[in-house]
Amino acid sequence: MLWWIKSGQVKEQQEIGKRLARDISTVPRWLQKYRTDGMSGLLEIKKGLSQTPCTTTLFDFWRDILHELSLRTRPYLLQDIKALFPVIFALGGEAVTAKVARAIEDVGQWWR
């Protein structure tokens, strides 16, 4: 969602709602949450995201979130990943969440 806005792919909030299969009142609420509380505030809405059907749209949204996460510092990134685990599980199930946990452990070895 944020990537679509920043890259100019989306001009109107209604288009975001269509792409994410959400009511048009949801997008302004998400954007306001992002403006006031940043990425961590946006991630508090994880329950809704984890219940979004696994479609190309959800995977596109996930790609956008990964881009935003890549801009975060390590402590915030780890908090964000923790908050996103319901979405990760919705996208890939238990096997994927286990792989993500192992990848975090592997990267953690680099930081020691």
PDB file of N, CA and C in Angstrom:
ATOM      1  N   MET A   1       0.831  -1.176   0.000  1.00  0.00           N
ATOM      2  CA  MET A   1       0.000   0.000   0.000  1.00  0.00           C
ATOM      3  C   MET A   1       0.880   1.246   0.000  1.00  0.00           C
ATOM      4  N   LEU A   2       1.841   1.293   0.913  1.00  0.00           N
ATOM      5  CA  LEU A   2       2.716   2.470   0.985  1.00  0.00           C
ATOM      6  C   LEU A   2       3.568   2.590  -0.267  1.00  0.00           C
ATOM      7  N   TRP A   3       4.033   1.457  -0.765  1.00  0.00           N
ATOM      8  CA  TRP A   3       4.849   1.475  -1.981  1.00  0.00           C
ATOM      9  C   TRP A   3       4.030   1.974  -3.158  1.00  0.00           C
ATOM     10  N   TRP A   4       2.796   1.525  -3.270  1.00  0.00           N
ATOM     11  CA  TRP A   4       1.941   1.969  -4.370  1.00  0.00           C
ATOM     12  C   TRP A   4       1.778   3.482  -4.336  1.00  0.00           C
ATOM     13  N   ILE A   5       1.609   4.035  -3.134  1.00  0.00           N
ATOM     14  CA  ILE A   5       1.434   5.486  -3.003  1.00  0.00           C
ATOM     15  C   ILE A   5       2.731   6.206  -3.348  1.00  0.00           C
ATOM     16  N   LYS A   6       3.837   5.755  -2.746  1.00  0.00           N
ATOM     17  CA  LYS A   6       5.122   6.436  -2.952  1.00  0.00           C
ATOM     18  C   LYS A   6       5.604   6.342  -4.396  1.00  0.00           C
ATOM     19  N   SER A   7       5.311   5.227  -5.050  1.00  0.00           N
ATOM     20  CA  SER A   7       5.777   5.055  -6.422  1.00  0.00           C
ATOM     21  C   SER A   7       4.818   5.668  -7.442  1.00  0.00           C
ATOM     22  N   GLY A   8       3.679   6.187  -6.987  1.00  0.00           N
ATOM     23  CA  GLY A   8       2.731   6.813  -7.884  1.00  0.00           C
ATOM     24  C   GLY A   8       1.853   5.835  -8.642  1.00  0.00           C
ATOM     25  N   GLN A   9       1.899   4.561  -8.273  1.00  0.00           N
ATOM     26  CA  GLN A   9       1.071   3.566  -8.944  1.00  0.00           C
ATOM     27  C   GLN A   9      -0.404   3.753  -8.621  1.00  0.00           C
ATOM     28  N   VAL A  10      -0.668   4.364  -7.471  1.00  0.00           N
ATOM     29  CA  VAL A  10      -2.038   4.568  -7.020  1.00  0.00           C
ATOM     30  C   VAL A  10      -2.212   6.039  -6.693  1.00  0.00           C
ATOM     31  N   LYS A  11      -3.252   6.629  -7.216  1.00  0.00           N
ATOM     32  CA  LYS A  11      -3.518   8.045  -6.967  1.00  0.00           C
ATOM     33  C   LYS A  11      -4.644   8.247  -5.953  1.00  0.00           C
ATOM     34  N   GLU A  12      -5.553   7.279  -5.863  1.00  0.00           N
ATOM     35  CA  GLU A  12      -6.712   7.423  -4.992  1.00  0.00           C
ATOM     36  C   GLU A  12      -6.794   6.273  -4.009  1.00  0.00           C
ATOM     37  N   GLN A  13      -7.274   6.575  -2.820  1.00  0.00           N
ATOM     38  CA  GLN A  13      -7.399   5.557  -1.788  1.00  0.00           C
ATOM     39  C   GLN A  13      -8.368   4.452  -2.191  1.00  0.00           C
ATOM     40  N   GLN A  14      -9.350   4.793  -3.009  1.00  0.00           N
ATOM     41  CA  GLN A  14     -10.304   3.784  -3.470  1.00  0.00           C
ATOM     42  C   GLN A  14      -9.599   2.675  -4.252  1.00  0.00           C
ATOM     43  N   GLU A  15      -8.583   3.029  -5.013  1.00  0.00           N
ATOM     44  CA  GLU A  15      -7.838   2.045  -5.790  1.00  0.00           C
ATOM     45  C   GLU A  15      -7.108   1.064  -4.870  1.00  0.00           C
ATOM     46  N   ILE A  16      -6.567   1.585  -3.769  1.00  0.00           N
ATOM     47  CA  ILE A  16      -5.903   0.706  -2.794  1.00  0.00           C
ATOM     48  C   ILE A  16      -6.920  -0.271  -2.225  1.00  0.00           C
ATOM     49  N   GLY A  17      -8.092   0.243  -1.863  1.00  0.00           N
ATOM     50  CA  GLY A  17      -9.157  -0.615  -1.343  1.00  0.00           C
ATOM     51  C   GLY A  17      -9.521  -1.722  -2.319  1.00  0.00           C
ATOM     52  N   LYS A  18      -9.599  -1.383  -3.596  1.00  0.00           N
ATOM     53  CA  LYS A  18      -9.912  -2.395  -4.616  1.00  0.00           C
ATOM     54  C   LYS A  18      -8.800  -3.427  -4.710  1.00  0.00           C
ATOM     55  N   ARG A  19      -7.551  -2.960  -4.732  1.00  0.00           N
ATOM     56  CA  ARG A  19      -6.420  -3.882  -4.857  1.00  0.00           C
ATOM     57  C   ARG A  19      -6.322  -4.841  -3.678  1.00  0.00           C
ATOM     58  N   LEU A  20      -6.678  -4.360  -2.495  1.00  0.00           N
ATOM     59  CA  LEU A  20      -6.569  -5.180  -1.288  1.00  0.00           C
ATOM     60  C   LEU A  20      -7.886  -5.835  -0.898  1.00  0.00           C
ATOM     61  N   ALA A  21      -8.898  -5.648  -1.715  1.00  0.00           N
ATOM     62  CA  ALA A  21     -10.222  -6.211  -1.449  1.00  0.00           C
ATOM     63  C   ALA A  21     -10.734  -5.772  -0.071  1.00  0.00           C
ATOM     64  N   ARG A  22     -10.616  -4.479   0.191  1.00  0.00           N
ATOM     65  CA  ARG A  22     -11.050  -3.899   1.456  1.00  0.00           C
ATOM     66  C   ARG A  22     -12.045  -2.782   1.193  1.00  0.00           C
ATOM     67  N   ASP A  23     -12.898  -2.550   2.180  1.00  0.00           N
ATOM     68  CA  ASP A  23     -13.834  -1.446   2.114  1.00  0.00           C
ATOM     69  C   ASP A  23     -13.057  -0.135   2.026  1.00  0.00           C
ATOM     70  N   ILE A  24     -13.615   0.827   1.293  1.00  0.00           N
ATOM     71  CA  ILE A  24     -12.880   2.084   1.097  1.00  0.00           C
ATOM     72  C   ILE A  24     -12.655   2.847   2.405  1.00  0.00           C
ATOM     73  N   SER A  25     -13.420   2.564   3.442  1.00  0.00           N
ATOM     74  CA  SER A  25     -13.198   3.241   4.730  1.00  0.00           C
ATOM     75  C   SER A  25     -11.981   2.684   5.464  1.00  0.00           C
ATOM     76  N   THR A  26     -11.514   1.504   5.076  1.00  0.00           N
ATOM     77  CA  THR A  26     -10.371   0.883   5.754  1.00  0.00           C
ATOM     78  C   THR A  26      -9.066   1.594   5.423  1.00  0.00           C
ATOM     79  N   VAL A  27      -8.865   1.951   4.177  1.00  0.00           N
ATOM     80  CA  VAL A  27      -7.597   2.536   3.731  1.00  0.00           C
ATOM     81  C   VAL A  27      -7.290   3.848   4.449  1.00  0.00           C
ATOM     82  N   PRO A  28      -8.215   4.800   4.544  1.00  0.00           N
ATOM     83  CA  PRO A  28      -7.898   6.036   5.285  1.00  0.00           C
ATOM     84  C   PRO A  28      -7.546   5.758   6.746  1.00  0.00           C
ATOM     85  N   ARG A  29      -8.201   4.777   7.333  1.00  0.00           N
ATOM     86  CA  ARG A  29      -7.905   4.414   8.722  1.00  0.00           C
ATOM     87  C   ARG A  29      -6.471   3.887   8.841  1.00  0.00           C
ATOM     88  N   TRP A  30      -6.067   3.029   7.905  1.00  0.00           N
ATOM     89  CA  TRP A  30      -4.695   2.508   7.903  1.00  0.00           C
ATOM     90  C   TRP A  30      -3.687   3.633   7.704  1.00  0.00           C
ATOM     91  N   LEU A  31      -3.972   4.536   6.767  1.00  0.00           N
ATOM     92  CA  LEU A  31      -3.042   5.629   6.499  1.00  0.00           C
ATOM     93  C   LEU A  31      -2.913   6.565   7.702  1.00  0.00           C
ATOM     94  N   GLN A  32      -4.026   6.834   8.365  1.00  0.00           N
ATOM     95  CA  GLN A  32      -3.981   7.673   9.566  1.00  0.00           C
ATOM     96  C   GLN A  32      -3.160   6.994  10.653  1.00  0.00           C
ATOM     97  N   LYS A  33      -3.339   5.699  10.800  1.00  0.00           N
ATOM     98  CA  LYS A  33      -2.572   4.937  11.787  1.00  0.00           C
ATOM     99  C   LYS A  33      -1.081   5.019  11.467  1.00  0.00           C
ATOM    100  N   TYR A  34      -0.750   4.940  10.192  1.00  0.00           N
ATOM    101  CA  TYR A  34       0.653   5.038   9.774  1.00  0.00           C
ATOM    102  C   TYR A  34       1.207   6.434  10.067  1.00  0.00           C
ATOM    103  N   ARG A  35       0.423   7.471   9.781  1.00  0.00           N
ATOM    104  CA  ARG A  35       0.875   8.841  10.019  1.00  0.00           C
ATOM    105  C   ARG A  35       1.121   9.121  11.506  1.00  0.00           C
ATOM    106  N   THR A  36       0.256   8.607  12.355  1.00  0.00           N
ATOM    107  CA  THR A  36       0.376   8.909  13.781  1.00  0.00           C
ATOM    108  C   THR A  36       1.350   7.985  14.511  1.00  0.00           C
ATOM    109  N   ASP A  37       1.400   6.705  14.111  1.00  0.00           N
ATOM    110  CA  ASP A  37       2.189   5.728  14.867  1.00  0.00           C
ATOM    111  C   ASP A  37       3.279   5.038  14.059  1.00  0.00           C
ATOM    112  N   GLY A  38       3.451   5.428  12.797  1.00  0.00           N
ATOM    113  CA  GLY A  38       4.484   4.818  11.971  1.00  0.00           C
ATOM    114  C   GLY A  38       4.166   3.377  11.601  1.00  0.00           C
ATOM    115  N   MET A  39       5.207   2.673  11.183  1.00  0.00           N
ATOM    116  CA  MET A  39       5.037   1.295  10.735  1.00  0.00           C
ATOM    117  C   MET A  39       4.505   0.400  11.851  1.00  0.00           C
ATOM    118  N   SER A  40       4.959   0.605  13.087  1.00  0.00           N
ATOM    119  CA  SER A  40       4.485  -0.241  14.178  1.00  0.00           C
ATOM    120  C   SER A  40       2.979  -0.071  14.381  1.00  0.00           C
ATOM    121  N   GLY A  41       2.483   1.152  14.207  1.00  0.00           N
ATOM    122  CA  GLY A  41       1.042   1.368  14.306  1.00  0.00           C
ATOM    123  C   GLY A  41       0.280   0.663  13.207  1.00  0.00           C
ATOM    124  N   LEU A  42       0.828   0.709  12.023  1.00  0.00           N
ATOM    125  CA  LEU A  42       0.189   0.033  10.896  1.00  0.00           C
ATOM    126  C   LEU A  42       0.161  -1.475  11.121  1.00  0.00           C
ATOM    127  N   LEU A  43       1.212  -2.001  11.706  1.00  0.00           N
ATOM    128  CA  LEU A  43       1.290  -3.436  11.923  1.00  0.00           C
ATOM    129  C   LEU A  43       0.353  -3.923  13.020  1.00  0.00           C
ATOM    130  N   GLU A  44      -0.120  -3.020  13.869  1.00  0.00           N
ATOM    131  CA  GLU A  44      -1.103  -3.414  14.881  1.00  0.00           C
ATOM    132  C   GLU A  44      -2.388  -3.919  14.247  1.00  0.00           C
ATOM    133  N   ILE A  45      -2.584  -3.609  12.990  1.00  0.00           N
ATOM    134  CA  ILE A  45      -3.791  -4.026  12.280  1.00  0.00           C
ATOM    135  C   ILE A  45      -3.580  -5.416  11.686  1.00  0.00           C
ATOM    136  N   LYS A  46      -2.583  -6.128  12.159  1.00  0.00           N
ATOM    137  CA  LYS A  46      -2.181  -7.409  11.592  1.00  0.00           C
ATOM    138  C   LYS A  46      -3.297  -8.435  11.544  1.00  0.00           C
ATOM    139  N   LYS A  47      -4.246  -8.384  12.470  1.00  0.00           N
ATOM    140  CA  LYS A  47      -5.317  -9.363  12.482  1.00  0.00           C
ATOM    141  C   LYS A  47      -6.102  -9.311  11.179  1.00  0.00           C
ATOM    142  N   GLY A  48      -6.418  -8.126  10.713  1.00  0.00           N
ATOM    143  CA  GLY A  48      -7.137  -7.986   9.458  1.00  0.00           C
ATOM    144  C   GLY A  48      -6.313  -8.468   8.281  1.00  0.00           C
ATOM    145  N   LEU A  49      -5.028  -8.141   8.276  1.00  0.00           N
ATOM    146  CA  LEU A  49      -4.168  -8.570   7.180  1.00  0.00           C
ATOM    147  C   LEU A  49      -4.029 -10.083   7.150  1.00  0.00           C
ATOM    148  N   SER A  50      -3.948 -10.711   8.316  1.00  0.00           N
ATOM    149  CA  SER A  50      -3.771 -12.159   8.354  1.00  0.00           C
ATOM    150  C   SER A  50      -5.028 -12.885   7.905  1.00  0.00           C
ATOM    151  N   GLN A  51      -6.151 -12.193   7.878  1.00  0.00           N
ATOM    152  CA  GLN A  51      -7.398 -12.814   7.454  1.00  0.00           C
ATOM    153  C   GLN A  51      -7.733 -12.499   5.997  1.00  0.00           C
ATOM    154  N   THR A  52      -6.871 -11.746   5.329  1.00  0.00           N
ATOM    155  CA  THR A  52      -7.074 -11.447   3.915  1.00  0.00           C
ATOM    156  C   THR A  52      -6.816 -12.722   3.116  1.00  0.00           C
ATOM    157  N   PRO A  53      -7.686 -13.074   2.165  1.00  0.00           N
ATOM    158  CA  PRO A  53      -7.460 -14.283   1.375  1.00  0.00           C
ATOM    159  C   PRO A  53      -6.106 -14.243   0.662  1.00  0.00           C
ATOM    160  N   CYS A  54      -5.455 -15.396   0.573  1.00  0.00           N
ATOM    161  CA  CYS A  54      -4.142 -15.479  -0.089  1.00  0.00           C
ATOM    162  C   CYS A  54      -4.338 -15.335  -1.593  1.00  0.00           C
ATOM    163  N   THR A  55      -4.174 -14.135  -2.058  1.00  0.00           N
ATOM    164  CA  THR A  55      -4.330 -13.836  -3.471  1.00  0.00           C
ATOM    165  C   THR A  55      -3.071 -13.131  -3.943  1.00  0.00           C
ATOM    166  N   THR A  56      -3.014 -12.890  -5.219  1.00  0.00           N
ATOM    167  CA  THR A  56      -1.895 -12.120  -5.761  1.00  0.00           C
ATOM    168  C   THR A  56      -1.814 -10.766  -5.070  1.00  0.00           C
ATOM    169  N   THR A  57      -2.957 -10.193  -4.755  1.00  0.00           N
ATOM    170  CA  THR A  57      -2.986  -8.893  -4.101  1.00  0.00           C
ATOM    171  C   THR A  57      -2.298  -8.941  -2.746  1.00  0.00           C
ATOM    172  N   LEU A  58      -2.561  -9.988  -1.975  1.00  0.00           N
ATOM    173  CA  LEU A  58      -1.925 -10.096  -0.672  1.00  0.00           C
ATOM    174  C   LEU A  58      -0.420 -10.268  -0.832  1.00  0.00           C
ATOM    175  N   PHE A  59       0.008 -11.030  -1.821  1.00  0.00           N
ATOM    176  CA  PHE A  59       1.436 -11.195  -2.051  1.00  0.00           C
ATOM    177  C   PHE A  59       2.073  -9.874  -2.507  1.00  0.00           C
ATOM    178  N   ASP A  60       1.345  -9.103  -3.311  1.00  0.00           N
ATOM    179  CA  ASP A  60       1.838  -7.770  -3.702  1.00  0.00           C
ATOM    180  C   ASP A  60       1.977  -6.874  -2.474  1.00  0.00           C
ATOM    181  N   PHE A  61       0.984  -6.929  -1.612  1.00  0.00           N
ATOM    182  CA  PHE A  61       1.023  -6.140  -0.384  1.00  0.00           C
ATOM    183  C   PHE A  61       2.204  -6.576   0.477  1.00  0.00           C
ATOM    184  N   TRP A  62       2.441  -7.879   0.542  1.00  0.00           N
ATOM    185  CA  TRP A  62       3.565  -8.414   1.311  1.00  0.00           C
ATOM    186  C   TRP A  62       4.893  -7.896   0.749  1.00  0.00           C
ATOM    187  N   ARG A  63       5.014  -7.856  -0.552  1.00  0.00           N
ATOM    188  CA  ARG A  63       6.224  -7.323  -1.185  1.00  0.00           C
ATOM    189  C   ARG A  63       6.451  -5.882  -0.748  1.00  0.00           C
ATOM    190  N   ASP A  64       5.386  -5.109  -0.719  1.00  0.00           N
ATOM    191  CA  ASP A  64       5.485  -3.710  -0.303  1.00  0.00           C
ATOM    192  C   ASP A  64       5.906  -3.597   1.161  1.00  0.00           C
ATOM    193  N   ILE A  65       5.352  -4.457   1.999  1.00  0.00           N
ATOM    194  CA  ILE A  65       5.724  -4.438   3.415  1.00  0.00           C
ATOM    195  C   ILE A  65       7.192  -4.804   3.565  1.00  0.00           C
ATOM    196  N   LEU A  66       7.664  -5.791   2.808  1.00  0.00           N
ATOM    197  CA  LEU A  66       9.074  -6.172   2.897  1.00  0.00           C
ATOM    198  C   LEU A  66       9.980  -5.004   2.531  1.00  0.00           C
ATOM    199  N   HIS A  67       9.573  -4.249   1.528  1.00  0.00           N
ATOM    200  CA  HIS A  67      10.366  -3.071   1.159  1.00  0.00           C
ATOM    201  C   HIS A  67      10.435  -2.081   2.325  1.00  0.00           C
ATOM    202  N   GLU A  68       9.300  -1.805   2.928  1.00  0.00           N
ATOM    203  CA  GLU A  68       9.278  -0.878   4.068  1.00  0.00           C
ATOM    204  C   GLU A  68      10.117  -1.421   5.220  1.00  0.00           C
ATOM    205  N   LEU A  69      10.038  -2.727   5.466  1.00  0.00           N
ATOM    206  CA  LEU A  69      10.820  -3.322   6.547  1.00  0.00           C
ATOM    207  C   LEU A  69      12.315  -3.212   6.284  1.00  0.00           C
ATOM    208  N   SER A  70      12.699  -3.243   5.030  1.00  0.00           N
ATOM    209  CA  SER A  70      14.125  -3.162   4.703  1.00  0.00           C
ATOM    210  C   SER A  70      14.723  -1.808   5.090  1.00  0.00           C
ATOM    211  N   LEU A  71      13.882  -0.837   5.318  1.00  0.00           N
ATOM    212  CA  LEU A  71      14.344   0.502   5.694  1.00  0.00           C
ATOM    213  C   LEU A  71      14.433   0.685   7.210  1.00  0.00           C
ATOM    214  N   ARG A  72      14.041  -0.335   7.956  1.00  0.00           N
ATOM    215  CA  ARG A  72      14.000  -0.247   9.416  1.00  0.00           C
ATOM    216  C   ARG A  72      15.339  -0.623  10.041  1.00  0.00           C
ATOM    217  N   THR A  73      15.577  -0.123  11.239  1.00  0.00           N
ATOM    218  CA  THR A  73      16.761  -0.547  11.982  1.00  0.00           C
ATOM    219  C   THR A  73      16.472  -1.892  12.638  1.00  0.00           C
ATOM    220  N   ARG A  74      17.525  -2.588  13.038  1.00  0.00           N
ATOM    221  CA  ARG A  74      17.389  -3.951  13.550  1.00  0.00           C
ATOM    222  C   ARG A  74      16.362  -4.098  14.676  1.00  0.00           C
ATOM    223  N   PRO A  75      16.404  -3.300  15.748  1.00  0.00           N
ATOM    224  CA  PRO A  75      15.430  -3.517  16.828  1.00  0.00           C
ATOM    225  C   PRO A  75      13.980  -3.364  16.357  1.00  0.00           C
ATOM    226  N   TYR A  76      13.735  -2.366  15.523  1.00  0.00           N
ATOM    227  CA  TYR A  76      12.373  -2.165  15.024  1.00  0.00           C
ATOM    228  C   TYR A  76      11.979  -3.264  14.061  1.00  0.00           C
ATOM    229  N   LEU A  77      12.914  -3.699  13.255  1.00  0.00           N
ATOM    230  CA  LEU A  77      12.633  -4.776  12.300  1.00  0.00           C
ATOM    231  C   LEU A  77      12.188  -6.039  13.026  1.00  0.00           C
ATOM    232  N   LEU A  78      12.875  -6.395  14.094  1.00  0.00           N
ATOM    233  CA  LEU A  78      12.510  -7.602  14.836  1.00  0.00           C
ATOM    234  C   LEU A  78      11.125  -7.465  15.462  1.00  0.00           C
ATOM    235  N   GLN A  79      10.789  -6.290  15.971  1.00  0.00           N
ATOM    236  CA  GLN A  79       9.440  -6.054  16.503  1.00  0.00           C
ATOM    237  C   GLN A  79       8.401  -6.192  15.399  1.00  0.00           C
ATOM    238  N   ASP A  80       8.719  -5.645  14.229  1.00  0.00           N
ATOM    239  CA  ASP A  80       7.782  -5.698  13.110  1.00  0.00           C
ATOM    240  C   ASP A  80       7.564  -7.135  12.649  1.00  0.00           C
ATOM    241  N   ILE A  81       8.635  -7.900  12.574  1.00  0.00           N
ATOM    242  CA  ILE A  81       8.493  -9.298  12.142  1.00  0.00           C
ATOM    243  C   ILE A  81       7.629 -10.062  13.133  1.00  0.00           C
ATOM    244  N   LYS A  82       7.844  -9.813  14.410  1.00  0.00           N
ATOM    245  CA  LYS A  82       7.014 -10.460  15.435  1.00  0.00           C
ATOM    246  C   LYS A  82       5.537 -10.107  15.223  1.00  0.00           C
ATOM    247  N   ALA A  83       5.265  -8.838  14.974  1.00  0.00           N
ATOM    248  CA  ALA A  83       3.885  -8.397  14.750  1.00  0.00           C
ATOM    249  C   ALA A  83       3.298  -8.993  13.481  1.00  0.00           C
ATOM    250  N   LEU A  84       4.149  -9.270  12.499  1.00  0.00           N
ATOM    251  CA  LEU A  84       3.678  -9.784  11.206  1.00  0.00           C
ATOM    252  C   LEU A  84       3.540 -11.301  11.159  1.00  0.00           C
ATOM    253  N   PHE A  85       3.904 -12.009  12.211  1.00  0.00           N
ATOM    254  CA  PHE A  85       3.849 -13.465  12.146  1.00  0.00           C
ATOM    255  C   PHE A  85       2.469 -14.014  11.767  1.00  0.00           C
ATOM    256  N   PRO A  86       1.351 -13.432  12.215  1.00  0.00           N
ATOM    257  CA  PRO A  86       0.058 -13.948  11.747  1.00  0.00           C
ATOM    258  C   PRO A  86      -0.099 -13.844  10.222  1.00  0.00           C
ATOM    259  N   VAL A  87       0.429 -12.786   9.635  1.00  0.00           N
ATOM    260  CA  VAL A  87       0.352 -12.620   8.181  1.00  0.00           C
ATOM    261  C   VAL A  87       1.275 -13.629   7.499  1.00  0.00           C
ATOM    262  N   ILE A  88       2.487 -13.795   8.043  1.00  0.00           N
ATOM    263  CA  ILE A  88       3.421 -14.773   7.489  1.00  0.00           C
ATOM    264  C   ILE A  88       2.795 -16.153   7.523  1.00  0.00           C
ATOM    265  N   PHE A  89       2.150 -16.492   8.631  1.00  0.00           N
ATOM    266  CA  PHE A  89       1.492 -17.792   8.747  1.00  0.00           C
ATOM    267  C   PHE A  89       0.358 -17.923   7.729  1.00  0.00           C
ATOM    268  N   ALA A  90      -0.420 -16.845   7.553  1.00  0.00           N
ATOM    269  CA  ALA A  90      -1.526 -16.884   6.586  1.00  0.00           C
ATOM    270  C   ALA A  90      -1.018 -17.097   5.164  1.00  0.00           C
ATOM    271  N   LEU A  91       0.147 -16.536   4.861  1.00  0.00           N
ATOM    272  CA  LEU A  91       0.699 -16.664   3.514  1.00  0.00           C
ATOM    273  C   LEU A  91       1.346 -18.018   3.260  1.00  0.00           C
ATOM    274  N   GLY A  92       2.000 -18.590   4.286  1.00  0.00           N
ATOM    275  CA  GLY A  92       2.775 -19.797   4.014  1.00  0.00           C
ATOM    276  C   GLY A  92       2.642 -20.931   4.988  1.00  0.00           C
ATOM    277  N   GLY A  93       1.881 -20.741   6.039  1.00  0.00           N
ATOM    278  CA  GLY A  93       1.688 -21.820   6.996  1.00  0.00           C
ATOM    279  C   GLY A  93       2.867 -22.007   7.941  1.00  0.00           C
ATOM    280  N   GLU A  94       2.802 -23.107   8.659  1.00  0.00           N
ATOM    281  CA  GLU A  94       3.784 -23.395   9.705  1.00  0.00           C
ATOM    282  C   GLU A  94       5.194 -23.561   9.150  1.00  0.00           C
ATOM    283  N   ALA A  95       5.313 -24.199   7.988  1.00  0.00           N
ATOM    284  CA  ALA A  95       6.643 -24.429   7.413  1.00  0.00           C
ATOM    285  C   ALA A  95       7.359 -23.104   7.130  1.00  0.00           C
ATOM    286  N   VAL A  96       6.630 -22.138   6.607  1.00  0.00           N
ATOM    287  CA  VAL A  96       7.238 -20.845   6.275  1.00  0.00           C
ATOM    288  C   VAL A  96       7.604 -20.082   7.541  1.00  0.00           C
ATOM    289  N   THR A  97       6.747 -20.123   8.556  1.00  0.00           N
ATOM    290  CA  THR A  97       7.088 -19.416   9.790  1.00  0.00           C
ATOM    291  C   THR A  97       8.336 -20.021  10.428  1.00  0.00           C
ATOM    292  N   ALA A  98       8.487 -21.335  10.332  1.00  0.00           N
ATOM    293  CA  ALA A  98       9.698 -21.986  10.856  1.00  0.00           C
ATOM    294  C   ALA A  98      10.932 -21.530  10.070  1.00  0.00           C
ATOM    295  N   LYS A  99      10.801 -21.407   8.745  1.00  0.00           N
ATOM    296  CA  LYS A  99      11.923 -20.943   7.919  1.00  0.00           C
ATOM    297  C   LYS A  99      12.300 -19.501   8.261  1.00  0.00           C
ATOM    298  N   VAL A 100      11.300 -18.668   8.496  1.00  0.00           N
ATOM    299  CA  VAL A 100      11.569 -17.273   8.862  1.00  0.00           C
ATOM    300  C   VAL A 100      12.308 -17.225  10.201  1.00  0.00           C
ATOM    301  N   ALA A 101      11.867 -18.040  11.160  1.00  0.00           N
ATOM    302  CA  ALA A 101      12.537 -18.075  12.463  1.00  0.00           C
ATOM    303  C   ALA A 101      13.995 -18.521  12.309  1.00  0.00           C
ATOM    304  N   ARG A 102      14.236 -19.543  11.482  1.00  0.00           N
ATOM    305  CA  ARG A 102      15.612 -19.998  11.254  1.00  0.00           C
ATOM    306  C   ARG A 102      16.446 -18.911  10.573  1.00  0.00           C
ATOM    307  N   ALA A 103      15.850 -18.203   9.624  1.00  0.00           N
ATOM    308  CA  ALA A 103      16.575 -17.133   8.927  1.00  0.00           C
ATOM    309  C   ALA A 103      16.945 -16.015   9.899  1.00  0.00           C
ATOM    310  N   ILE A 104      16.043 -15.692  10.820  1.00  0.00           N
ATOM    311  CA  ILE A 104      16.336 -14.667  11.826  1.00  0.00           C
ATOM    312  C   ILE A 104      17.495 -15.123  12.703  1.00  0.00           C
ATOM    313  N   GLU A 105      17.482 -16.388  13.095  1.00  0.00           N
ATOM    314  CA  GLU A 105      18.594 -16.927  13.902  1.00  0.00           C
ATOM    315  C   GLU A 105      19.906 -16.854  13.125  1.00  0.00           C
ATOM    316  N   ASP A 106      19.866 -17.218  11.841  1.00  0.00           N
ATOM    317  CA  ASP A 106      21.074 -17.167  11.013  1.00  0.00           C
ATOM    318  C   ASP A 106      21.634 -15.749  10.923  1.00  0.00           C
ATOM    319  N   VAL A 107      20.767 -14.799  10.658  1.00  0.00           N
ATOM    320  CA  VAL A 107      21.204 -13.410  10.546  1.00  0.00           C
ATOM    321  C   VAL A 107      21.706 -12.914  11.896  1.00  0.00           C
ATOM    322  N   GLY A 108      21.057 -13.368  12.970  1.00  0.00           N
ATOM    323  CA  GLY A 108      21.500 -12.996  14.315  1.00  0.00           C
ATOM    324  C   GLY A 108      22.940 -13.403  14.576  1.00  0.00           C
ATOM    325  N   GLN A 109      23.376 -14.500  13.962  1.00  0.00           N
ATOM    326  CA  GLN A 109      24.765 -14.936  14.106  1.00  0.00           C
ATOM    327  C   GLN A 109      25.721 -13.906  13.514  1.00  0.00           C
ATOM    328  N   TRP A 110      25.324 -13.224  12.462  1.00  0.00           N
ATOM    329  CA  TRP A 110      26.177 -12.211  11.836  1.00  0.00           C
ATOM    330  C   TRP A 110      26.398 -11.029  12.755  1.00  0.00           C
ATOM    331  N   TRP A 111      25.404 -10.730  13.607  1.00  0.00           N
ATOM    332  CA  TRP A 111      25.447  -9.538  14.437  1.00  0.00           C
ATOM    333  C   TRP A 111      26.184  -9.757  15.749  1.00  0.00           C
ATOM    334  N   ARG A 112      26.640 -10.951  16.016  1.00  0.00           N
ATOM    335  CA  ARG A 112      27.330 -11.217  17.296  1.00  0.00           C
ATOM    336  C   ARG A 112      28.769 -10.854  17.225  1.00  0.00           C
TER     337      ARG A 112
END
